[in-house]
Amino acid sequence: MGHMPNTTPLDPGLREAIERSGYYPALVAEAIEAAIGPEPVRSHLVHQETTFDNEEVRRHVSVLVLTDTRLIIGHTDEHGTEPAIDGMDSQVSSYASTSTEAIRLDRITTCVVTRVVDDPATHVAGTLPREAVLTVGWGAIARIDLEPAGCGDPHCEADHGYTGTMSGDDLQLRVSTGADGAEAVARTLEFATALSAATAGLRG
């Protein structure tokens, strides 16, 4: 007989956030609980996005969980009805897929927080930005932007090869007060602060 994975009940605050999102909470909670295992939750963030694809409304939820040793990331997507296979009349009903990734904190190389504020000249410390972007990199995805290199001589026709930059943005999460509400922006900044502090402690 198989053995159940060694897990503890999901953190009540995290479970409440997943249920509040209203997006297949039983499925999302089960996947996240299995990924966390017995570790306690230090901070968490649940973010839902809605997109429109060929007149179909599709939802996506991201769950970020910070433990003592890892960053757990869960993605759950909603998929539309698929066409019949082999000429059969029946169609595959809509379905959802969920995936989780566990990243050791010592693997995280970047934690970038971008704040967008209105009228910066009158900004008061502690006022929420209208938009926040959290970018986290750990080397799973690297993007290279290339462009032809030049020498500064407008008449030069020599081939100077290419120049470019490499950046890693394995995860990027954007929230705004207009689309997601002030509470979502505040939660994102709170999680980003906790994650930055956790990774900084490993580089001392």
N, C-alpha and C. Protein backbone atom coordinates (compact mmCIF):
# COMPACT_ATOMS: atom_id res chain seq x y z
N MET A 1 0.84 -1.18 0.00
CA MET A 1 0.00 0.00 0.00
C MET A 1 0.88 1.24 0.00
N GLY A 2 0.39 2.31 -0.67
CA GLY A 2 1.14 3.54 -0.71
C GLY A 2 0.99 4.31 0.59
N HIS A 3 1.87 5.27 0.79
CA HIS A 3 1.85 6.08 2.00
C HIS A 3 1.51 7.52 1.62
N MET A 4 0.70 8.15 2.43
CA MET A 4 0.38 9.54 2.22
C MET A 4 1.62 10.39 2.44
N PRO A 5 1.77 11.48 1.67
CA PRO A 5 2.94 12.34 1.87
C PRO A 5 2.92 12.96 3.26
N ASN A 6 4.11 13.27 3.75
CA ASN A 6 4.25 13.84 5.09
C ASN A 6 3.90 15.32 5.05
N THR A 7 2.64 15.65 5.32
CA THR A 7 2.19 17.02 5.28
C THR A 7 1.51 17.37 6.60
N THR A 8 1.39 18.64 6.83
CA THR A 8 0.64 19.14 7.97
C THR A 8 -0.54 19.93 7.42
N PRO A 9 -1.58 20.13 8.21
CA PRO A 9 -2.73 20.91 7.72
C PRO A 9 -2.29 22.27 7.20
N LEU A 10 -2.91 22.70 6.13
CA LEU A 10 -2.53 23.95 5.48
C LEU A 10 -2.74 25.12 6.44
N ASP A 11 -1.80 26.05 6.41
CA ASP A 11 -1.88 27.25 7.23
C ASP A 11 -3.26 27.89 7.08
N PRO A 12 -3.95 28.20 8.18
CA PRO A 12 -5.32 28.72 8.09
C PRO A 12 -5.43 30.00 7.26
N GLY A 13 -4.46 30.91 7.41
CA GLY A 13 -4.50 32.14 6.64
C GLY A 13 -4.34 31.88 5.16
N LEU A 14 -3.45 30.94 4.80
CA LEU A 14 -3.25 30.59 3.40
C LEU A 14 -4.49 29.92 2.84
N ARG A 15 -5.07 29.00 3.59
CA ARG A 15 -6.28 28.33 3.12
C ARG A 15 -7.41 29.34 2.91
N GLU A 16 -7.54 30.28 3.81
CA GLU A 16 -8.59 31.29 3.68
C GLU A 16 -8.38 32.14 2.42
N ALA A 17 -7.11 32.48 2.14
CA ALA A 17 -6.81 33.27 0.94
C ALA A 17 -7.14 32.50 -0.33
N ILE A 18 -6.83 31.20 -0.33
CA ILE A 18 -7.15 30.36 -1.49
C ILE A 18 -8.65 30.25 -1.68
N GLU A 19 -9.37 30.05 -0.59
CA GLU A 19 -10.83 29.93 -0.68
C GLU A 19 -11.46 31.26 -1.08
N ARG A 20 -10.89 32.36 -0.62
CA ARG A 20 -11.43 33.67 -0.96
C ARG A 20 -11.28 33.97 -2.45
N SER A 21 -10.25 33.41 -3.07
CA SER A 21 -10.08 33.63 -4.51
C SER A 21 -11.20 32.97 -5.30
N GLY A 22 -11.82 31.93 -4.73
CA GLY A 22 -12.96 31.28 -5.37
C GLY A 22 -12.60 30.48 -6.61
N TYR A 23 -11.34 30.15 -6.78
CA TYR A 23 -10.88 29.49 -8.00
C TYR A 23 -10.47 28.05 -7.66
N TYR A 24 -11.38 27.11 -7.84
CA TYR A 24 -11.13 25.70 -7.55
C TYR A 24 -10.33 25.54 -6.27
N PRO A 25 -10.82 26.05 -5.16
CA PRO A 25 -10.00 26.07 -3.92
C PRO A 25 -9.55 24.70 -3.45
N ALA A 26 -10.38 23.67 -3.62
CA ALA A 26 -9.97 22.34 -3.16
C ALA A 26 -8.77 21.84 -3.95
N LEU A 27 -8.79 22.05 -5.27
CA LEU A 27 -7.68 21.62 -6.12
C LEU A 27 -6.41 22.39 -5.80
N VAL A 28 -6.53 23.72 -5.70
CA VAL A 28 -5.36 24.55 -5.44
C VAL A 28 -4.76 24.24 -4.07
N ALA A 29 -5.62 24.13 -3.06
CA ALA A 29 -5.14 23.87 -1.70
C ALA A 29 -4.44 22.51 -1.61
N GLU A 30 -4.98 21.52 -2.28
CA GLU A 30 -4.37 20.18 -2.23
C GLU A 30 -2.96 20.20 -2.81
N ALA A 31 -2.80 20.86 -3.96
CA ALA A 31 -1.48 20.91 -4.60
C ALA A 31 -0.47 21.67 -3.74
N ILE A 32 -0.89 22.80 -3.19
CA ILE A 32 0.01 23.61 -2.38
C ILE A 32 0.37 22.90 -1.09
N GLU A 33 -0.60 22.25 -0.48
CA GLU A 33 -0.35 21.52 0.77
C GLU A 33 0.69 20.43 0.55
N ALA A 34 0.58 19.70 -0.56
CA ALA A 34 1.53 18.63 -0.85
C ALA A 34 2.93 19.19 -1.08
N ALA A 35 3.01 20.37 -1.73
CA ALA A 35 4.32 20.95 -2.03
C ALA A 35 4.99 21.49 -0.78
N ILE A 36 4.22 22.05 0.15
CA ILE A 36 4.79 22.63 1.37
C ILE A 36 5.31 21.54 2.29
N GLY A 37 4.58 20.43 2.36
CA GLY A 37 4.99 19.37 3.26
C GLY A 37 4.85 19.80 4.71
N PRO A 38 5.77 19.39 5.57
CA PRO A 38 5.64 19.68 7.00
C PRO A 38 6.16 21.05 7.42
N GLU A 39 6.70 21.85 6.50
CA GLU A 39 7.29 23.13 6.86
C GLU A 39 6.22 24.16 7.24
N PRO A 40 6.51 25.01 8.21
CA PRO A 40 5.58 26.10 8.54
C PRO A 40 5.63 27.19 7.47
N VAL A 41 4.53 27.90 7.33
CA VAL A 41 4.42 28.99 6.35
C VAL A 41 4.83 30.30 7.00
N ARG A 42 5.80 30.99 6.39
CA ARG A 42 6.25 32.28 6.92
C ARG A 42 5.48 33.44 6.30
N SER A 43 5.15 33.32 5.02
CA SER A 43 4.39 34.36 4.33
C SER A 43 3.77 33.72 3.10
N HIS A 44 2.70 34.33 2.60
CA HIS A 44 2.06 33.77 1.41
C HIS A 44 1.37 34.87 0.62
N LEU A 45 1.10 34.56 -0.64
CA LEU A 45 0.44 35.50 -1.54
C LEU A 45 -0.38 34.71 -2.55
N VAL A 46 -1.64 35.06 -2.71
CA VAL A 46 -2.53 34.42 -3.69
C VAL A 46 -3.01 35.50 -4.64
N HIS A 47 -2.80 35.27 -5.94
CA HIS A 47 -3.18 36.27 -6.94
C HIS A 47 -3.91 35.60 -8.09
N GLN A 48 -5.06 36.14 -8.44
CA GLN A 48 -5.86 35.59 -9.54
C GLN A 48 -5.92 36.57 -10.70
N GLU A 49 -5.79 36.04 -11.91
CA GLU A 49 -5.89 36.85 -13.12
C GLU A 49 -6.98 36.27 -14.01
N THR A 50 -7.68 37.14 -14.71
CA THR A 50 -8.71 36.71 -15.66
C THR A 50 -8.33 37.23 -17.04
N THR A 51 -8.31 36.34 -18.02
CA THR A 51 -7.98 36.72 -19.39
C THR A 51 -9.11 36.30 -20.33
N PHE A 52 -9.14 36.91 -21.51
CA PHE A 52 -10.15 36.59 -22.51
C PHE A 52 -9.45 36.04 -23.74
N ASP A 53 -9.86 34.84 -24.15
CA ASP A 53 -9.24 34.15 -25.27
C ASP A 53 -10.32 33.64 -26.20
N ASN A 54 -10.42 34.27 -27.38
CA ASN A 54 -11.44 33.86 -28.36
C ASN A 54 -12.84 33.81 -27.73
N GLU A 55 -13.17 34.90 -27.06
CA GLU A 55 -14.47 35.07 -26.43
C GLU A 55 -14.69 34.13 -25.24
N GLU A 56 -13.65 33.43 -24.82
CA GLU A 56 -13.74 32.58 -23.64
C GLU A 56 -13.03 33.26 -22.47
N VAL A 57 -13.65 33.18 -21.32
CA VAL A 57 -13.05 33.74 -20.11
C VAL A 57 -12.25 32.64 -19.42
N ARG A 58 -10.97 32.91 -19.23
CA ARG A 58 -10.12 31.92 -18.57
C ARG A 58 -9.45 32.56 -17.37
N ARG A 59 -9.31 31.76 -16.34
CA ARG A 59 -8.73 32.27 -15.10
C ARG A 59 -7.41 31.56 -14.80
N HIS A 60 -6.58 32.27 -14.09
CA HIS A 60 -5.28 31.74 -13.68
C HIS A 60 -5.02 32.22 -12.27
N VAL A 61 -4.60 31.33 -11.41
CA VAL A 61 -4.27 31.73 -10.04
C VAL A 61 -2.84 31.33 -9.73
N SER A 62 -2.12 32.25 -9.11
CA SER A 62 -0.75 32.00 -8.67
C SER A 62 -0.73 32.03 -7.15
N VAL A 63 -0.06 31.06 -6.56
CA VAL A 63 0.09 30.99 -5.11
C VAL A 63 1.57 30.96 -4.79
N LEU A 64 2.02 31.91 -4.00
CA LEU A 64 3.42 31.98 -3.57
C LEU A 64 3.46 31.75 -2.07
N VAL A 65 4.33 30.85 -1.66
CA VAL A 65 4.44 30.52 -0.24
C VAL A 65 5.92 30.54 0.15
N LEU A 66 6.22 31.24 1.21
CA LEU A 66 7.58 31.30 1.73
C LEU A 66 7.67 30.46 2.99
N THR A 67 8.59 29.49 3.00
CA THR A 67 8.85 28.68 4.18
C THR A 67 10.25 29.03 4.70
N ASP A 68 10.73 28.28 5.67
CA ASP A 68 12.06 28.55 6.21
C ASP A 68 13.17 28.25 5.21
N THR A 69 12.92 27.37 4.25
CA THR A 69 13.99 26.96 3.35
C THR A 69 13.65 27.11 1.87
N ARG A 70 12.36 27.33 1.53
CA ARG A 70 11.99 27.28 0.13
C ARG A 70 10.96 28.36 -0.22
N LEU A 71 10.90 28.64 -1.51
CA LEU A 71 9.82 29.41 -2.10
C LEU A 71 8.98 28.43 -2.91
N ILE A 72 7.72 28.28 -2.53
CA ILE A 72 6.81 27.39 -3.24
C ILE A 72 5.95 28.24 -4.16
N ILE A 73 5.90 27.85 -5.43
CA ILE A 73 5.08 28.58 -6.41
C ILE A 73 4.10 27.60 -7.05
N GLY A 74 2.84 27.95 -7.01
CA GLY A 74 1.82 27.12 -7.63
C GLY A 74 1.08 27.91 -8.69
N HIS A 75 0.81 27.27 -9.82
CA HIS A 75 0.04 27.88 -10.91
C HIS A 75 -1.11 26.94 -11.27
N THR A 76 -2.30 27.50 -11.34
CA THR A 76 -3.46 26.73 -11.76
C THR A 76 -4.14 27.46 -12.90
N ASP A 77 -4.37 26.74 -14.00
CA ASP A 77 -4.97 27.32 -15.20
C ASP A 77 -6.26 26.62 -15.55
N GLU A 78 -7.16 27.40 -16.12
CA GLU A 78 -8.43 26.87 -16.60
C GLU A 78 -8.36 26.72 -18.11
N HIS A 79 -8.79 25.58 -18.63
CA HIS A 79 -8.74 25.31 -20.06
C HIS A 79 -10.15 25.09 -20.60
N GLY A 80 -10.35 25.53 -21.83
CA GLY A 80 -11.68 25.43 -22.42
C GLY A 80 -11.95 24.05 -22.98
N THR A 81 -13.12 23.90 -23.58
CA THR A 81 -13.54 22.63 -24.18
C THR A 81 -12.67 22.29 -25.37
N GLU A 82 -12.23 21.04 -25.47
CA GLU A 82 -11.42 20.59 -26.58
C GLU A 82 -12.29 19.90 -27.63
N PRO A 83 -11.89 19.94 -28.91
CA PRO A 83 -12.69 19.30 -29.96
C PRO A 83 -12.69 17.79 -29.83
N ALA A 84 -13.64 17.17 -30.50
CA ALA A 84 -13.76 15.72 -30.47
C ALA A 84 -12.53 15.07 -31.09
N ILE A 85 -12.22 13.85 -30.67
CA ILE A 85 -11.06 13.12 -31.15
C ILE A 85 -11.51 11.94 -32.00
N ASP A 86 -10.83 11.72 -33.14
CA ASP A 86 -11.10 10.57 -34.01
C ASP A 86 -12.54 10.55 -34.48
N GLY A 87 -13.08 11.72 -34.78
CA GLY A 87 -14.40 11.77 -35.35
C GLY A 87 -15.53 11.50 -34.38
N MET A 88 -15.25 11.38 -33.11
CA MET A 88 -16.29 11.13 -32.13
C MET A 88 -17.10 12.41 -31.92
N ASP A 89 -18.37 12.23 -31.61
CA ASP A 89 -19.25 13.37 -31.43
C ASP A 89 -19.01 14.09 -30.11
N SER A 90 -18.59 13.34 -29.10
CA SER A 90 -18.44 13.94 -27.79
C SER A 90 -17.19 14.82 -27.74
N GLN A 91 -17.24 15.80 -26.89
CA GLN A 91 -16.11 16.69 -26.69
C GLN A 91 -15.55 16.51 -25.28
N VAL A 92 -14.28 16.84 -25.16
CA VAL A 92 -13.67 16.80 -23.83
C VAL A 92 -14.12 18.05 -23.09
N SER A 93 -14.69 17.88 -21.91
CA SER A 93 -15.19 19.02 -21.16
C SER A 93 -14.03 19.88 -20.68
N SER A 94 -14.35 21.08 -20.25
CA SER A 94 -13.32 21.98 -19.75
C SER A 94 -12.59 21.34 -18.56
N TYR A 95 -11.35 21.73 -18.39
CA TYR A 95 -10.55 21.14 -17.32
C TYR A 95 -9.55 22.17 -16.81
N ALA A 96 -8.91 21.85 -15.72
CA ALA A 96 -7.91 22.73 -15.12
C ALA A 96 -6.64 21.94 -14.87
N SER A 97 -5.52 22.63 -14.95
CA SER A 97 -4.23 22.01 -14.65
C SER A 97 -3.54 22.83 -13.57
N THR A 98 -2.90 22.14 -12.65
CA THR A 98 -2.19 22.82 -11.57
C THR A 98 -0.78 22.27 -11.45
N SER A 99 0.17 23.14 -11.23
CA SER A 99 1.57 22.72 -11.10
C SER A 99 2.21 23.50 -9.96
N THR A 100 3.17 22.88 -9.33
CA THR A 100 3.90 23.52 -8.24
C THR A 100 5.39 23.37 -8.46
N GLU A 101 6.13 24.35 -8.00
CA GLU A 101 7.59 24.33 -8.07
C GLU A 101 8.13 24.76 -6.73
N ALA A 102 9.14 24.07 -6.25
CA ALA A 102 9.77 24.40 -4.98
C ALA A 102 11.21 24.84 -5.25
N ILE A 103 11.54 26.06 -4.86
CA ILE A 103 12.87 26.62 -5.10
C ILE A 103 13.55 26.86 -3.76
N ARG A 104 14.73 26.31 -3.59
CA ARG A 104 15.49 26.59 -2.38
C ARG A 104 15.82 28.08 -2.31
N LEU A 105 15.74 28.65 -1.15
CA LEU A 105 15.98 30.08 -1.00
C LEU A 105 17.39 30.47 -1.43
N ASP A 106 18.36 29.57 -1.24
CA ASP A 106 19.73 29.92 -1.63
C ASP A 106 19.93 29.90 -3.14
N ARG A 107 18.91 29.46 -3.90
CA ARG A 107 19.00 29.49 -5.36
C ARG A 107 18.48 30.80 -5.94
N ILE A 108 17.72 31.55 -5.17
CA ILE A 108 17.12 32.79 -5.67
C ILE A 108 18.21 33.84 -5.84
N THR A 109 18.31 34.38 -7.04
CA THR A 109 19.36 35.34 -7.36
C THR A 109 18.86 36.78 -7.38
N THR A 110 17.59 36.98 -7.68
CA THR A 110 17.05 38.33 -7.74
C THR A 110 15.66 38.37 -7.14
N CYS A 111 15.38 39.49 -6.49
CA CYS A 111 14.04 39.77 -5.98
C CYS A 111 13.82 41.26 -6.20
N VAL A 112 13.14 41.59 -7.28
CA VAL A 112 12.99 42.98 -7.70
C VAL A 112 11.56 43.43 -7.42
N VAL A 113 11.41 44.57 -6.79
CA VAL A 113 10.10 45.16 -6.53
C VAL A 113 10.04 46.52 -7.23
N THR A 114 9.10 46.66 -8.13
CA THR A 114 8.90 47.92 -8.84
C THR A 114 7.60 48.56 -8.37
N ARG A 115 7.69 49.81 -7.96
CA ARG A 115 6.52 50.57 -7.51
C ARG A 115 6.23 51.68 -8.50
N VAL A 116 4.97 51.83 -8.87
CA VAL A 116 4.54 52.90 -9.75
C VAL A 116 3.63 53.83 -8.95
N VAL A 117 4.02 55.09 -8.85
CA VAL A 117 3.25 56.04 -8.04
C VAL A 117 2.82 57.21 -8.91
N ASP A 118 1.69 57.79 -8.56
CA ASP A 118 1.20 59.00 -9.22
C ASP A 118 1.73 60.23 -8.49
N ASP A 119 1.99 61.28 -9.25
CA ASP A 119 2.43 62.56 -8.68
C ASP A 119 3.54 62.35 -7.64
N PRO A 120 4.68 61.85 -8.06
CA PRO A 120 5.76 61.52 -7.10
C PRO A 120 6.25 62.69 -6.28
N ALA A 121 6.09 63.92 -6.77
CA ALA A 121 6.59 65.09 -6.03
C ALA A 121 5.84 65.27 -4.71
N THR A 122 4.62 64.78 -4.64
CA THR A 122 3.83 64.92 -3.41
C THR A 122 3.65 63.60 -2.69
N HIS A 123 4.45 62.60 -3.07
CA HIS A 123 4.31 61.27 -2.46
C HIS A 123 4.63 61.32 -0.97
N VAL A 124 3.80 60.67 -0.19
CA VAL A 124 3.99 60.58 1.25
C VAL A 124 4.41 59.16 1.60
N ALA A 125 5.46 59.03 2.39
CA ALA A 125 5.95 57.70 2.78
C ALA A 125 4.82 56.91 3.43
N GLY A 126 4.70 55.66 3.00
CA GLY A 126 3.66 54.79 3.54
C GLY A 126 2.43 54.73 2.66
N THR A 127 2.32 55.62 1.68
CA THR A 127 1.19 55.59 0.76
C THR A 127 1.41 54.47 -0.26
N LEU A 128 0.39 53.68 -0.48
CA LEU A 128 0.52 52.58 -1.43
C LEU A 128 0.72 53.09 -2.85
N PRO A 129 1.58 52.43 -3.63
CA PRO A 129 1.67 52.78 -5.05
C PRO A 129 0.42 52.31 -5.78
N ARG A 130 0.18 52.86 -6.96
CA ARG A 130 -0.99 52.41 -7.71
C ARG A 130 -0.72 51.09 -8.41
N GLU A 131 0.55 50.72 -8.51
CA GLU A 131 0.91 49.46 -9.15
C GLU A 131 2.19 48.93 -8.53
N ALA A 132 2.27 47.61 -8.39
CA ALA A 132 3.48 46.97 -7.88
C ALA A 132 3.78 45.74 -8.74
N VAL A 133 5.05 45.55 -9.02
CA VAL A 133 5.49 44.41 -9.82
C VAL A 133 6.57 43.68 -9.03
N LEU A 134 6.35 42.39 -8.80
CA LEU A 134 7.33 41.55 -8.12
C LEU A 134 7.97 40.62 -9.15
N THR A 135 9.28 40.71 -9.28
CA THR A 135 10.02 39.86 -10.21
C THR A 135 11.02 39.03 -9.41
N VAL A 136 10.98 37.73 -9.59
CA VAL A 136 11.88 36.82 -8.87
C VAL A 136 12.61 35.96 -9.89
N GLY A 137 13.90 35.83 -9.73
CA GLY A 137 14.70 35.01 -10.63
C GLY A 137 15.53 34.00 -9.86
N TRP A 138 15.62 32.79 -10.41
CA TRP A 138 16.46 31.75 -9.79
C TRP A 138 17.19 30.92 -10.83
N GLY A 139 17.25 31.43 -12.06
CA GLY A 139 18.08 30.80 -13.08
C GLY A 139 17.38 29.75 -13.92
N ALA A 140 16.10 29.55 -13.74
CA ALA A 140 15.40 28.55 -14.54
C ALA A 140 15.18 29.05 -15.96
N ILE A 141 14.96 30.37 -16.10
CA ILE A 141 14.72 30.96 -17.41
C ILE A 141 15.67 32.13 -17.58
N ALA A 142 16.36 32.17 -18.71
CA ALA A 142 17.25 33.29 -19.02
C ALA A 142 16.85 33.85 -20.38
N ARG A 143 16.68 35.16 -20.45
CA ARG A 143 16.30 35.81 -21.71
C ARG A 143 17.45 36.67 -22.17
N ILE A 144 17.81 36.54 -23.46
CA ILE A 144 18.90 37.32 -24.03
C ILE A 144 18.33 38.25 -25.10
N ASP A 145 18.56 39.54 -24.93
CA ASP A 145 18.13 40.54 -25.91
C ASP A 145 19.35 41.00 -26.68
N LEU A 146 19.37 40.73 -27.99
CA LEU A 146 20.52 41.05 -28.83
C LEU A 146 20.17 42.14 -29.83
N GLU A 147 21.20 42.92 -30.18
CA GLU A 147 21.08 43.92 -31.23
C GLU A 147 22.44 44.08 -31.89
N PRO A 148 22.47 44.51 -33.14
CA PRO A 148 23.76 44.67 -33.83
C PRO A 148 24.64 45.68 -33.10
N ALA A 149 25.90 45.33 -32.97
CA ALA A 149 26.85 46.23 -32.31
C ALA A 149 27.39 47.23 -33.33
N GLY A 150 27.76 48.40 -32.86
CA GLY A 150 28.32 49.43 -33.73
C GLY A 150 29.58 50.02 -33.13
N CYS A 151 30.27 50.86 -33.93
CA CYS A 151 31.51 51.46 -33.46
C CYS A 151 31.40 52.97 -33.32
N GLY A 152 30.28 53.54 -33.63
CA GLY A 152 30.13 54.99 -33.51
C GLY A 152 30.42 55.75 -34.78
N ASP A 153 31.02 55.10 -35.76
CA ASP A 153 31.31 55.75 -37.04
C ASP A 153 30.12 55.55 -37.96
N PRO A 154 29.39 56.60 -38.32
CA PRO A 154 28.20 56.43 -39.16
C PRO A 154 28.51 55.90 -40.55
N HIS A 155 29.76 55.98 -40.99
CA HIS A 155 30.12 55.52 -42.33
C HIS A 155 30.75 54.13 -42.32
N CYS A 156 30.94 53.56 -41.14
CA CYS A 156 31.57 52.25 -41.04
C CYS A 156 30.59 51.16 -41.47
N GLU A 157 31.04 50.27 -42.34
CA GLU A 157 30.21 49.17 -42.82
C GLU A 157 30.71 47.82 -42.33
N ALA A 158 31.66 47.82 -41.40
CA ALA A 158 32.20 46.56 -40.89
C ALA A 158 31.17 45.87 -40.00
N ASP A 159 31.32 44.56 -39.93
CA ASP A 159 30.45 43.76 -39.06
C ASP A 159 31.06 43.70 -37.67
N HIS A 160 30.38 44.32 -36.70
CA HIS A 160 30.90 44.35 -35.33
C HIS A 160 30.22 43.32 -34.44
N GLY A 161 29.49 42.40 -35.04
CA GLY A 161 28.83 41.36 -34.26
C GLY A 161 27.60 41.90 -33.54
N TYR A 162 27.32 41.31 -32.41
CA TYR A 162 26.12 41.68 -31.67
C TYR A 162 26.46 42.01 -30.23
N THR A 163 25.62 42.80 -29.64
CA THR A 163 25.71 43.10 -28.22
C THR A 163 24.33 42.91 -27.60
N GLY A 164 24.30 42.65 -26.33
CA GLY A 164 23.00 42.41 -25.73
C GLY A 164 23.09 42.28 -24.22
N THR A 165 21.98 42.00 -23.65
CA THR A 165 21.88 41.83 -22.20
C THR A 165 21.16 40.53 -21.90
N MET A 166 21.52 39.94 -20.78
CA MET A 166 20.86 38.72 -20.32
C MET A 166 20.12 39.03 -19.02
N SER A 167 18.90 38.60 -18.95
CA SER A 167 18.12 38.84 -17.73
C SER A 167 17.33 37.59 -17.40
N GLY A 168 17.08 37.40 -16.13
CA GLY A 168 16.29 36.25 -15.68
C GLY A 168 15.06 36.73 -14.93
N ASP A 169 13.90 36.35 -15.39
CA ASP A 169 12.67 36.73 -14.70
C ASP A 169 11.75 35.50 -14.70
N ASP A 170 12.14 34.54 -13.86
CA ASP A 170 11.39 33.29 -13.81
C ASP A 170 9.96 33.50 -13.36
N LEU A 171 9.73 34.53 -12.57
CA LEU A 171 8.37 34.83 -12.10
C LEU A 171 8.19 36.34 -12.10
N GLN A 172 7.09 36.78 -12.68
CA GLN A 172 6.75 38.20 -12.61
C GLN A 172 5.26 38.32 -12.30
N LEU A 173 4.95 39.03 -11.25
CA LEU A 173 3.58 39.19 -10.80
C LEU A 173 3.28 40.68 -10.68
N ARG A 174 2.23 41.12 -11.38
CA ARG A 174 1.88 42.54 -11.41
C ARG A 174 0.48 42.73 -10.81
N VAL A 175 0.35 43.67 -9.90
CA VAL A 175 -0.94 44.00 -9.31
C VAL A 175 -1.11 45.51 -9.32
N SER A 176 -2.36 45.95 -9.35
CA SER A 176 -2.64 47.39 -9.33
C SER A 176 -3.88 47.64 -8.48
N THR A 177 -3.95 48.86 -7.95
CA THR A 177 -5.12 49.20 -7.14
C THR A 177 -6.38 49.23 -7.98
N GLY A 178 -6.25 49.63 -9.25
CA GLY A 178 -7.42 49.71 -10.12
C GLY A 178 -8.00 48.36 -10.47
N ALA A 179 -7.14 47.40 -10.78
CA ALA A 179 -7.61 46.09 -11.23
C ALA A 179 -7.77 45.11 -10.09
N ASP A 180 -6.90 45.18 -9.09
CA ASP A 180 -6.88 44.16 -8.04
C ASP A 180 -7.26 44.67 -6.66
N GLY A 181 -7.22 45.99 -6.48
CA GLY A 181 -7.56 46.57 -5.18
C GLY A 181 -6.33 46.89 -4.36
N ALA A 182 -6.52 47.83 -3.43
CA ALA A 182 -5.40 48.27 -2.59
C ALA A 182 -4.88 47.15 -1.72
N GLU A 183 -5.77 46.27 -1.24
CA GLU A 183 -5.33 45.19 -0.36
C GLU A 183 -4.38 44.24 -1.10
N ALA A 184 -4.64 43.97 -2.38
CA ALA A 184 -3.77 43.09 -3.15
C ALA A 184 -2.38 43.70 -3.31
N VAL A 185 -2.32 45.01 -3.53
CA VAL A 185 -1.03 45.68 -3.66
C VAL A 185 -0.27 45.61 -2.33
N ALA A 186 -0.98 45.85 -1.23
CA ALA A 186 -0.35 45.80 0.08
C ALA A 186 0.18 44.40 0.39
N ARG A 187 -0.61 43.37 0.07
CA ARG A 187 -0.17 42.00 0.33
C ARG A 187 1.05 41.65 -0.51
N THR A 188 1.09 42.12 -1.76
CA THR A 188 2.23 41.84 -2.64
C THR A 188 3.50 42.46 -2.08
N LEU A 189 3.41 43.71 -1.63
CA LEU A 189 4.58 44.37 -1.05
C LEU A 189 5.01 43.70 0.25
N GLU A 190 4.06 43.26 1.04
CA GLU A 190 4.39 42.57 2.29
C GLU A 190 5.12 41.26 2.01
N PHE A 191 4.63 40.49 1.02
CA PHE A 191 5.29 39.23 0.68
C PHE A 191 6.68 39.50 0.11
N ALA A 192 6.80 40.50 -0.74
CA ALA A 192 8.10 40.83 -1.34
C ALA A 192 9.11 41.20 -0.26
N THR A 193 8.68 41.93 0.76
CA THR A 193 9.57 42.30 1.86
C THR A 193 10.04 41.06 2.62
N ALA A 194 9.12 40.14 2.88
CA ALA A 194 9.48 38.91 3.59
C ALA A 194 10.44 38.05 2.77
N LEU A 195 10.19 37.95 1.47
CA LEU A 195 11.06 37.15 0.61
C LEU A 195 12.44 37.78 0.50
N SER A 196 12.49 39.09 0.34
CA SER A 196 13.78 39.77 0.25
C SER A 196 14.59 39.59 1.53
N ALA A 197 13.93 39.70 2.67
CA ALA A 197 14.63 39.53 3.95
C ALA A 197 15.14 38.10 4.11
N ALA A 198 14.33 37.13 3.67
CA ALA A 198 14.73 35.72 3.81
C ALA A 198 15.94 35.39 2.96
N THR A 199 15.97 35.91 1.73
CA THR A 199 17.10 35.62 0.84
C THR A 199 18.34 36.41 1.26
N ALA A 200 18.15 37.62 1.78
CA ALA A 200 19.29 38.43 2.22
C ALA A 200 20.00 37.75 3.39
N GLY A 201 19.25 37.07 4.25
CA GLY A 201 19.86 36.42 5.38
C GLY A 201 20.77 35.27 5.00
N LEU A 202 20.63 34.76 3.77
CA LEU A 202 21.48 33.65 3.31
C LEU A 202 22.77 34.14 2.68
N ARG A 203 22.87 35.45 2.46
CA ARG A 203 24.05 35.98 1.76
C ARG A 203 24.95 36.78 2.69
N GLY A 204 24.70 36.64 3.98
CA GLY A 204 25.46 37.45 4.92
C GLY A 204 26.93 37.12 5.00
